[in-house]
Amino acid sequence: MWMVSKEAMEEAMRVERKLADPEKREESLADIEHMIEVKQSHLWRADVGSCCGALCNLTGQIEIESGILQDAAEALKSGDDGKAASLLGDYIAFLKEHYEPERPSY
């Protein structure tokens, strides 16, 4: 099982809460698009920089995460804020299921 940083999890939850405010719609979209860019960077690193990307199914997990985020961004662009919020909830649930929380330094 992989680890997820506390900051990454908090960011996803912050964006999900922000979607409840229609005035922060564009800001939420920008946040989601940034999260997609980060995932794409992780995917590239897993594919190019390491032999473990495919062996450990890391690339598959990242592709799923990226897909959920892309669907959320498309929902926002088409005006379906409820669907975007639901997809962000799915994304957070996926992180919780497939990643362990970051452990404190010992």
Protein backbone atom coordinates (compact mmCIF):
# COMPACT_ATOMS: atom_id res chain seq x y z
CA MET A 1 0.00 0.00 0.00
CA TRP A 2 1.27 3.48 -0.88
CA MET A 3 1.30 6.51 1.37
CA VAL A 4 -0.49 9.82 0.84
CA SER A 5 0.65 13.04 2.44
CA LYS A 6 -1.54 14.76 4.97
CA GLU A 7 -1.38 17.91 2.82
CA ALA A 8 -2.65 16.10 -0.30
CA MET A 9 -5.61 14.67 1.58
CA GLU A 10 -6.40 18.03 3.21
CA GLU A 11 -6.19 19.79 -0.17
CA ALA A 12 -8.72 17.39 -1.71
CA MET A 13 -11.11 17.87 1.20
CA ARG A 14 -10.64 21.65 1.09
CA VAL A 15 -11.55 21.74 -2.60
CA GLU A 16 -14.58 19.54 -1.94
CA ARG A 17 -15.79 22.00 0.74
CA LYS A 18 -15.04 24.95 -1.52
CA LEU A 19 -17.37 23.54 -4.18
CA ALA A 20 -20.31 24.28 -1.86
CA ASP A 21 -19.71 28.00 -2.50
CA PRO A 22 -20.81 28.99 -6.03
CA GLU A 23 -18.62 32.09 -5.87
CA LYS A 24 -15.53 29.88 -5.56
CA ARG A 25 -16.38 27.75 -8.60
CA GLU A 26 -13.56 29.03 -10.82
CA GLU A 27 -11.08 28.76 -7.98
CA SER A 28 -12.21 25.17 -7.38
CA LEU A 29 -11.77 24.37 -11.05
CA ALA A 30 -8.24 25.81 -10.99
CA ASP A 31 -7.45 23.71 -7.90
CA ILE A 32 -8.73 20.53 -9.55
CA GLU A 33 -6.77 21.26 -12.73
CA HIS A 34 -3.63 21.74 -10.61
CA MET A 35 -4.28 18.39 -8.91
CA ILE A 36 -4.56 16.81 -12.37
CA GLU A 37 -1.21 18.31 -13.38
CA VAL A 38 0.39 16.87 -10.25
CA LYS A 39 -1.08 13.43 -10.98
CA GLN A 40 0.15 13.62 -14.57
CA SER A 41 3.62 14.42 -13.26
CA HIS A 42 3.46 11.44 -10.91
CA LEU A 43 2.31 9.24 -13.78
CA TRP A 44 5.19 10.35 -15.96
CA ARG A 45 7.68 9.69 -13.16
CA ALA A 46 6.21 6.24 -12.48
CA ASP A 47 6.39 5.35 -16.19
CA VAL A 48 9.81 6.80 -16.99
CA GLY A 49 11.80 7.07 -13.80
CA SER A 50 11.17 3.74 -12.19
CA CYS A 51 10.65 0.12 -13.00
CA CYS A 52 8.04 -0.22 -10.24
CA GLY A 53 5.34 1.83 -11.96
CA ALA A 54 3.77 -1.05 -13.85
CA LEU A 55 4.97 -3.83 -11.56
CA CYS A 56 3.28 -2.42 -8.47
CA ASN A 57 0.22 -1.19 -10.34
CA LEU A 58 1.16 2.35 -9.36
CA THR A 59 0.48 3.75 -12.83
CA GLY A 60 -2.98 2.18 -12.85
CA GLN A 61 -3.86 3.82 -9.54
CA ILE A 62 -2.61 7.20 -10.69
CA GLU A 63 -4.55 6.91 -13.95
CA ILE A 64 -7.74 6.18 -11.99
CA GLU A 65 -7.14 9.18 -9.74
CA SER A 66 -6.43 11.42 -12.72
CA GLY A 67 -9.56 10.17 -14.47
CA ILE A 68 -11.77 10.95 -11.48
CA LEU A 69 -10.27 14.44 -11.24
CA GLN A 70 -10.68 15.04 -14.99
CA ASP A 71 -14.33 13.98 -14.79
CA ALA A 72 -14.81 16.39 -11.86
CA ALA A 73 -13.24 19.23 -13.86
CA GLU A 74 -15.46 18.47 -16.86
CA ALA A 75 -18.53 18.41 -14.62
CA LEU A 76 -17.61 21.85 -13.27
CA LYS A 77 -17.03 23.19 -16.78
CA SER A 78 -20.46 21.96 -17.85
CA GLY A 79 -22.12 23.52 -14.79
CA ASP A 80 -22.82 20.34 -12.84
CA ASP A 81 -21.37 21.35 -9.48
CA GLY A 82 -23.18 18.53 -7.67
CA LYS A 83 -21.57 15.90 -9.86
CA ALA A 84 -18.16 17.55 -9.42
CA ALA A 85 -18.57 17.46 -5.63
CA SER A 86 -19.66 13.83 -5.76
CA LEU A 87 -16.64 12.93 -7.88
CA LEU A 88 -14.31 14.70 -5.45
CA GLY A 89 -15.93 12.63 -2.70
CA ASP A 90 -15.18 9.53 -4.78
CA TYR A 91 -11.59 10.71 -5.21
CA ILE A 92 -11.15 11.17 -1.45
CA ALA A 93 -12.68 7.74 -0.80
CA PHE A 94 -10.28 6.23 -3.36
CA LEU A 95 -7.30 7.82 -1.61
CA LYS A 96 -8.45 6.54 1.76
CA GLU A 97 -8.97 3.03 0.41
CA HIS A 98 -5.74 2.68 -1.57
CA TYR A 99 -3.25 4.74 0.43
CA GLU A 100 -2.10 4.81 4.03
CA PRO A 101 -1.80 8.15 5.81
CA GLU A 102 1.67 9.58 5.96
CA ARG A 103 3.44 8.52 9.14
CA PRO A 104 5.18 11.03 11.39
CA SER A 105 8.96 11.10 11.35
CA TYR A 106 10.62 8.93 13.94
